[in-house]
Amino acid sequence: MLSPYINIPIINLFLEQVSQQLPDGVHAVMVWDQAGFHTGKDLVVPENITIIPLPPYSPELNPMENLWHYLRSHYWANRAFDDYAALEDAAMTAWQASACDPATIQSVCRADYAIAQ
């Protein structure tokens, strides 16, 4: 899902799409920071998803922050985009090259606290 902005209605749409993709009997757990659009009173979390909030002001604990940093430094740094379509294309290309590669995700998004002991 790609959106030019993020707010609670967009997050609700995202959660609903994820929920619909889960097979029957599967429950997803998402670890999120406490951004306003992750915690607002109008947030609708489907029954088959549980949100675990990270402590406030702790980006070092959020594996997604590492992925955003990786995408910025490897794909988007020192670039100017002609228009929104070019920006969208760069975002999708970077996402597909990185987020769809298990080895990249395992190295970039590794969180020691999530490793089974």
N, C-alpha and C. Protein backbone atom coordinates (compact mmCIF):
# COMPACT_ATOMS: atom_id res chain seq x y z
N MET A 1 0.84 -1.16 0.00
CA MET A 1 0.00 0.00 0.00
C MET A 1 0.90 1.23 0.00
N LEU A 2 0.64 2.12 -0.92
CA LEU A 2 1.41 3.35 -1.02
C LEU A 2 0.44 4.51 -0.92
N SER A 3 0.77 5.46 -0.07
CA SER A 3 -0.10 6.62 0.14
C SER A 3 0.75 7.88 0.24
N PRO A 4 0.29 8.99 -0.32
CA PRO A 4 1.06 10.23 -0.22
C PRO A 4 1.04 10.85 1.18
N TYR A 5 0.22 10.31 2.06
CA TYR A 5 0.16 10.80 3.44
C TYR A 5 -0.22 9.63 4.34
N ILE A 6 -0.11 9.86 5.65
CA ILE A 6 -0.47 8.81 6.61
C ILE A 6 -1.28 9.43 7.73
N ASN A 7 -2.35 8.76 8.05
CA ASN A 7 -3.23 9.19 9.14
C ASN A 7 -4.01 7.96 9.60
N ILE A 8 -4.89 8.14 10.56
CA ILE A 8 -5.62 6.99 11.11
C ILE A 8 -6.49 6.30 10.06
N PRO A 9 -7.25 7.00 9.21
CA PRO A 9 -8.01 6.28 8.18
C PRO A 9 -7.13 5.43 7.25
N ILE A 10 -5.94 5.93 6.91
CA ILE A 10 -5.03 5.15 6.06
C ILE A 10 -4.53 3.93 6.83
N ILE A 11 -4.18 4.10 8.10
CA ILE A 11 -3.74 2.96 8.91
C ILE A 11 -4.86 1.95 9.06
N ASN A 12 -6.09 2.40 9.26
CA ASN A 12 -7.23 1.48 9.35
C ASN A 12 -7.39 0.68 8.06
N LEU A 13 -7.22 1.33 6.92
CA LEU A 13 -7.29 0.64 5.65
C LEU A 13 -6.18 -0.40 5.54
N PHE A 14 -4.97 -0.02 5.94
CA PHE A 14 -3.83 -0.94 5.94
C PHE A 14 -4.11 -2.16 6.82
N LEU A 15 -4.59 -1.92 8.03
CA LEU A 15 -4.88 -3.03 8.95
C LEU A 15 -5.95 -3.95 8.38
N GLU A 16 -6.96 -3.39 7.76
CA GLU A 16 -8.03 -4.20 7.17
C GLU A 16 -7.47 -5.05 6.02
N GLN A 17 -6.61 -4.46 5.20
CA GLN A 17 -6.01 -5.22 4.10
C GLN A 17 -5.14 -6.35 4.62
N VAL A 18 -4.34 -6.08 5.65
CA VAL A 18 -3.51 -7.14 6.24
C VAL A 18 -4.41 -8.22 6.81
N SER A 19 -5.43 -7.83 7.53
CA SER A 19 -6.36 -8.77 8.15
C SER A 19 -6.97 -9.71 7.12
N GLN A 20 -7.37 -9.15 5.99
CA GLN A 20 -8.01 -9.95 4.95
C GLN A 20 -7.05 -10.94 4.29
N GLN A 21 -5.74 -10.65 4.35
CA GLN A 21 -4.75 -11.53 3.75
C GLN A 21 -4.33 -12.68 4.66
N LEU A 22 -4.68 -12.59 5.93
CA LEU A 22 -4.31 -13.65 6.86
C LEU A 22 -5.21 -14.87 6.67
N PRO A 23 -4.62 -16.05 6.58
CA PRO A 23 -5.45 -17.26 6.48
C PRO A 23 -6.30 -17.45 7.73
N ASP A 24 -7.40 -18.15 7.60
CA ASP A 24 -8.25 -18.44 8.76
C ASP A 24 -7.41 -19.10 9.85
N GLY A 25 -7.62 -18.68 11.07
CA GLY A 25 -6.93 -19.26 12.21
C GLY A 25 -5.56 -18.65 12.47
N VAL A 26 -5.11 -17.72 11.63
CA VAL A 26 -3.81 -17.07 11.84
C VAL A 26 -4.03 -15.72 12.50
N HIS A 27 -3.20 -15.43 13.50
CA HIS A 27 -3.28 -14.17 14.24
C HIS A 27 -1.94 -13.45 14.06
N ALA A 28 -1.97 -12.20 13.62
CA ALA A 28 -0.75 -11.42 13.40
C ALA A 28 -0.48 -10.54 14.61
N VAL A 29 0.80 -10.36 14.90
CA VAL A 29 1.23 -9.45 15.95
C VAL A 29 2.11 -8.41 15.29
N MET A 30 1.80 -7.13 15.51
CA MET A 30 2.58 -6.03 14.95
C MET A 30 3.19 -5.23 16.08
N VAL A 31 4.48 -4.98 15.98
CA VAL A 31 5.18 -4.16 16.95
C VAL A 31 5.29 -2.77 16.34
N TRP A 32 4.68 -1.79 17.01
CA TRP A 32 4.61 -0.43 16.48
C TRP A 32 5.14 0.58 17.46
N ASP A 33 5.61 1.70 16.91
CA ASP A 33 5.94 2.83 17.77
C ASP A 33 4.61 3.49 18.18
N GLN A 34 4.70 4.55 18.92
CA GLN A 34 3.47 5.18 19.41
C GLN A 34 3.16 6.49 18.67
N ALA A 35 3.40 6.48 17.35
CA ALA A 35 3.01 7.62 16.54
C ALA A 35 1.50 7.83 16.69
N GLY A 36 1.06 9.06 16.56
CA GLY A 36 -0.36 9.38 16.75
C GLY A 36 -1.29 8.56 15.89
N PHE A 37 -0.88 8.27 14.66
CA PHE A 37 -1.73 7.47 13.78
C PHE A 37 -1.68 5.99 14.11
N HIS A 38 -0.83 5.56 15.05
CA HIS A 38 -0.80 4.19 15.53
C HIS A 38 -1.61 4.00 16.81
N THR A 39 -1.99 5.10 17.44
CA THR A 39 -2.60 5.00 18.77
C THR A 39 -3.90 5.76 18.94
N GLY A 40 -4.34 6.48 17.94
CA GLY A 40 -5.52 7.32 18.08
C GLY A 40 -6.78 6.56 18.46
N LYS A 41 -7.73 7.27 19.04
CA LYS A 41 -8.96 6.63 19.52
C LYS A 41 -9.81 6.07 18.38
N ASP A 42 -9.61 6.56 17.16
CA ASP A 42 -10.38 6.06 16.02
C ASP A 42 -9.70 4.89 15.31
N LEU A 43 -8.58 4.42 15.85
CA LEU A 43 -7.89 3.27 15.27
C LEU A 43 -8.76 2.03 15.41
N VAL A 44 -8.92 1.28 14.33
CA VAL A 44 -9.71 0.06 14.34
C VAL A 44 -8.77 -1.12 14.06
N VAL A 45 -8.53 -1.92 15.09
CA VAL A 45 -7.64 -3.08 14.96
C VAL A 45 -8.51 -4.32 14.79
N PRO A 46 -8.38 -5.01 13.65
CA PRO A 46 -9.17 -6.23 13.44
C PRO A 46 -8.90 -7.28 14.50
N GLU A 47 -9.86 -8.18 14.68
CA GLU A 47 -9.77 -9.22 15.71
C GLU A 47 -8.57 -10.14 15.54
N ASN A 48 -8.10 -10.31 14.30
CA ASN A 48 -7.00 -11.25 14.07
C ASN A 48 -5.63 -10.56 14.05
N ILE A 49 -5.57 -9.34 14.60
CA ILE A 49 -4.31 -8.61 14.70
C ILE A 49 -4.18 -8.06 16.13
N THR A 50 -2.97 -8.17 16.68
CA THR A 50 -2.66 -7.57 17.97
C THR A 50 -1.53 -6.58 17.76
N ILE A 51 -1.67 -5.39 18.34
CA ILE A 51 -0.64 -4.37 18.28
C ILE A 51 0.11 -4.36 19.61
N ILE A 52 1.42 -4.45 19.55
CA ILE A 52 2.27 -4.32 20.74
C ILE A 52 3.02 -3.00 20.59
N PRO A 53 2.74 -2.03 21.47
CA PRO A 53 3.40 -0.73 21.34
C PRO A 53 4.81 -0.75 21.94
N LEU A 54 5.72 -0.09 21.26
CA LEU A 54 7.05 0.12 21.80
C LEU A 54 7.00 1.27 22.81
N PRO A 55 7.98 1.35 23.70
CA PRO A 55 8.00 2.49 24.62
C PRO A 55 8.10 3.80 23.83
N PRO A 56 7.56 4.88 24.37
CA PRO A 56 7.66 6.17 23.67
C PRO A 56 9.11 6.59 23.46
N TYR A 57 9.34 7.29 22.37
CA TYR A 57 10.65 7.87 22.06
C TYR A 57 11.77 6.84 22.08
N SER A 58 11.53 5.71 21.41
CA SER A 58 12.55 4.66 21.37
C SER A 58 12.72 4.14 19.95
N PRO A 59 13.11 4.99 19.01
CA PRO A 59 13.24 4.53 17.62
C PRO A 59 14.27 3.41 17.46
N GLU A 60 15.23 3.34 18.40
CA GLU A 60 16.24 2.28 18.30
C GLU A 60 15.64 0.89 18.49
N LEU A 61 14.44 0.80 19.07
CA LEU A 61 13.77 -0.49 19.26
C LEU A 61 12.86 -0.86 18.11
N ASN A 62 12.64 0.06 17.18
CA ASN A 62 11.70 -0.15 16.10
C ASN A 62 12.44 -0.62 14.84
N PRO A 63 12.34 -1.91 14.50
CA PRO A 63 13.05 -2.42 13.33
C PRO A 63 12.69 -1.69 12.03
N MET A 64 11.48 -1.16 11.92
CA MET A 64 11.09 -0.43 10.70
C MET A 64 11.92 0.83 10.53
N GLU A 65 12.32 1.46 11.63
CA GLU A 65 13.16 2.65 11.51
C GLU A 65 14.46 2.31 10.80
N ASN A 66 15.00 1.12 11.06
CA ASN A 66 16.21 0.69 10.37
C ASN A 66 15.97 0.53 8.88
N LEU A 67 14.80 0.00 8.52
CA LEU A 67 14.50 -0.17 7.10
C LEU A 67 14.35 1.18 6.41
N TRP A 68 13.66 2.14 7.06
CA TRP A 68 13.52 3.47 6.45
C TRP A 68 14.90 4.10 6.25
N HIS A 69 15.76 3.97 7.25
CA HIS A 69 17.12 4.52 7.13
C HIS A 69 17.86 3.85 5.96
N TYR A 70 17.75 2.54 5.85
CA TYR A 70 18.39 1.80 4.77
C TYR A 70 17.87 2.28 3.41
N LEU A 71 16.56 2.41 3.28
CA LEU A 71 15.99 2.85 2.00
C LEU A 71 16.46 4.26 1.65
N ARG A 72 16.45 5.14 2.64
CA ARG A 72 16.92 6.51 2.38
C ARG A 72 18.38 6.51 1.94
N SER A 73 19.23 5.79 2.64
CA SER A 73 20.67 5.85 2.35
C SER A 73 21.06 5.10 1.08
N HIS A 74 20.33 4.03 0.75
CA HIS A 74 20.70 3.22 -0.41
C HIS A 74 19.96 3.59 -1.69
N TYR A 75 18.81 4.22 -1.56
CA TYR A 75 17.99 4.46 -2.76
C TYR A 75 17.60 5.92 -2.98
N TRP A 76 17.41 6.68 -1.91
CA TRP A 76 16.81 8.00 -2.08
C TRP A 76 17.74 9.16 -1.78
N ALA A 77 18.91 8.91 -1.23
CA ALA A 77 19.81 9.99 -0.83
C ALA A 77 20.31 10.77 -2.05
N ASN A 78 20.42 12.07 -1.88
CA ASN A 78 21.00 12.96 -2.90
C ASN A 78 20.31 12.84 -4.26
N ARG A 79 19.00 12.72 -4.22
CA ARG A 79 18.23 12.64 -5.46
C ARG A 79 17.13 13.69 -5.45
N ALA A 80 16.82 14.16 -6.61
CA ALA A 80 15.67 15.04 -6.79
C ALA A 80 14.71 14.33 -7.74
N PHE A 81 13.44 14.43 -7.46
CA PHE A 81 12.45 13.75 -8.28
C PHE A 81 11.68 14.78 -9.09
N ASP A 82 11.44 14.46 -10.35
CA ASP A 82 10.78 15.40 -11.26
C ASP A 82 9.35 15.70 -10.84
N ASP A 83 8.69 14.68 -10.31
CA ASP A 83 7.29 14.85 -9.92
C ASP A 83 6.89 13.72 -8.97
N TYR A 84 5.64 13.74 -8.55
CA TYR A 84 5.16 12.73 -7.60
C TYR A 84 5.26 11.33 -8.19
N ALA A 85 4.98 11.18 -9.48
CA ALA A 85 5.05 9.85 -10.12
C ALA A 85 6.47 9.29 -10.05
N ALA A 86 7.47 10.14 -10.24
CA ALA A 86 8.86 9.68 -10.16
C ALA A 86 9.21 9.28 -8.73
N LEU A 87 8.73 10.04 -7.77
CA LEU A 87 8.94 9.70 -6.36
C LEU A 87 8.27 8.37 -6.02
N GLU A 88 7.04 8.20 -6.48
CA GLU A 88 6.31 6.96 -6.24
C GLU A 88 7.04 5.77 -6.87
N ASP A 89 7.53 5.94 -8.09
CA ASP A 89 8.27 4.87 -8.76
C ASP A 89 9.54 4.52 -7.99
N ALA A 90 10.26 5.52 -7.50
CA ALA A 90 11.48 5.27 -6.71
C ALA A 90 11.14 4.55 -5.42
N ALA A 91 10.04 4.93 -4.79
CA ALA A 91 9.62 4.28 -3.54
C ALA A 91 9.29 2.81 -3.79
N MET A 92 8.54 2.54 -4.84
CA MET A 92 8.15 1.16 -5.13
C MET A 92 9.36 0.31 -5.52
N THR A 93 10.25 0.87 -6.31
CA THR A 93 11.46 0.14 -6.72
C THR A 93 12.31 -0.22 -5.51
N ALA A 94 12.52 0.76 -4.63
CA ALA A 94 13.32 0.51 -3.43
C ALA A 94 12.66 -0.52 -2.53
N TRP A 95 11.35 -0.39 -2.34
CA TRP A 95 10.62 -1.33 -1.48
C TRP A 95 10.72 -2.74 -2.02
N GLN A 96 10.48 -2.91 -3.32
CA GLN A 96 10.52 -4.25 -3.91
C GLN A 96 11.92 -4.85 -3.87
N ALA A 97 12.93 -4.03 -4.07
CA ALA A 97 14.30 -4.54 -4.05
C ALA A 97 14.76 -4.90 -2.64
N SER A 98 14.23 -4.22 -1.64
CA SER A 98 14.70 -4.41 -0.27
C SER A 98 13.74 -5.23 0.57
N ALA A 99 12.52 -4.76 0.70
CA ALA A 99 11.57 -5.38 1.61
C ALA A 99 11.13 -6.76 1.15
N CYS A 100 11.26 -7.03 -0.13
CA CYS A 100 10.87 -8.35 -0.63
C CYS A 100 12.04 -9.33 -0.65
N ASP A 101 13.19 -8.90 -0.13
CA ASP A 101 14.37 -9.75 -0.06
C ASP A 101 14.58 -10.19 1.38
N PRO A 102 14.30 -11.45 1.70
CA PRO A 102 14.42 -11.91 3.09
C PRO A 102 15.80 -11.65 3.71
N ALA A 103 16.86 -11.79 2.94
CA ALA A 103 18.20 -11.58 3.50
C ALA A 103 18.40 -10.12 3.91
N THR A 104 17.91 -9.20 3.10
CA THR A 104 18.03 -7.78 3.44
C THR A 104 17.23 -7.48 4.69
N ILE A 105 16.00 -7.95 4.74
CA ILE A 105 15.15 -7.69 5.91
C ILE A 105 15.77 -8.28 7.16
N GLN A 106 16.30 -9.50 7.07
CA GLN A 106 16.90 -10.13 8.24
C GLN A 106 18.11 -9.37 8.74
N SER A 107 18.89 -8.78 7.85
CA SER A 107 20.06 -8.05 8.31
C SER A 107 19.72 -6.63 8.74
N VAL A 108 18.87 -5.94 8.00
CA VAL A 108 18.55 -4.54 8.29
C VAL A 108 17.61 -4.41 9.49
N CYS A 109 16.64 -5.29 9.58
CA CYS A 109 15.60 -5.16 10.60
C CYS A 109 15.82 -6.05 11.82
N ARG A 110 16.98 -6.63 11.93
CA ARG A 110 17.26 -7.49 13.07
C ARG A 110 17.09 -6.71 14.38
N ALA A 111 16.36 -7.28 15.29
CA ALA A 111 16.17 -6.68 16.62
C ALA A 111 16.53 -7.75 17.65
N ASP A 112 17.59 -7.52 18.39
CA ASP A 112 18.06 -8.52 19.35
C ASP A 112 16.97 -8.94 20.33
N TYR A 113 16.09 -7.99 20.71
CA TYR A 113 15.04 -8.34 21.66
C TYR A 113 14.01 -9.32 21.09
N ALA A 114 13.98 -9.47 19.76
CA ALA A 114 12.99 -10.35 19.14
C ALA A 114 13.54 -11.73 18.84
N ILE A 115 14.81 -11.96 19.12
CA ILE A 115 15.45 -13.25 18.86
C ILE A 115 15.09 -14.20 19.99
N ALA A 116 14.58 -15.38 19.62
CA ALA A 116 14.21 -16.37 20.63
C ALA A 116 15.46 -16.84 21.38
N GLN A 117 15.34 -16.94 22.68
CA GLN A 117 16.47 -17.37 23.52
C GLN A 117 16.34 -18.82 23.86
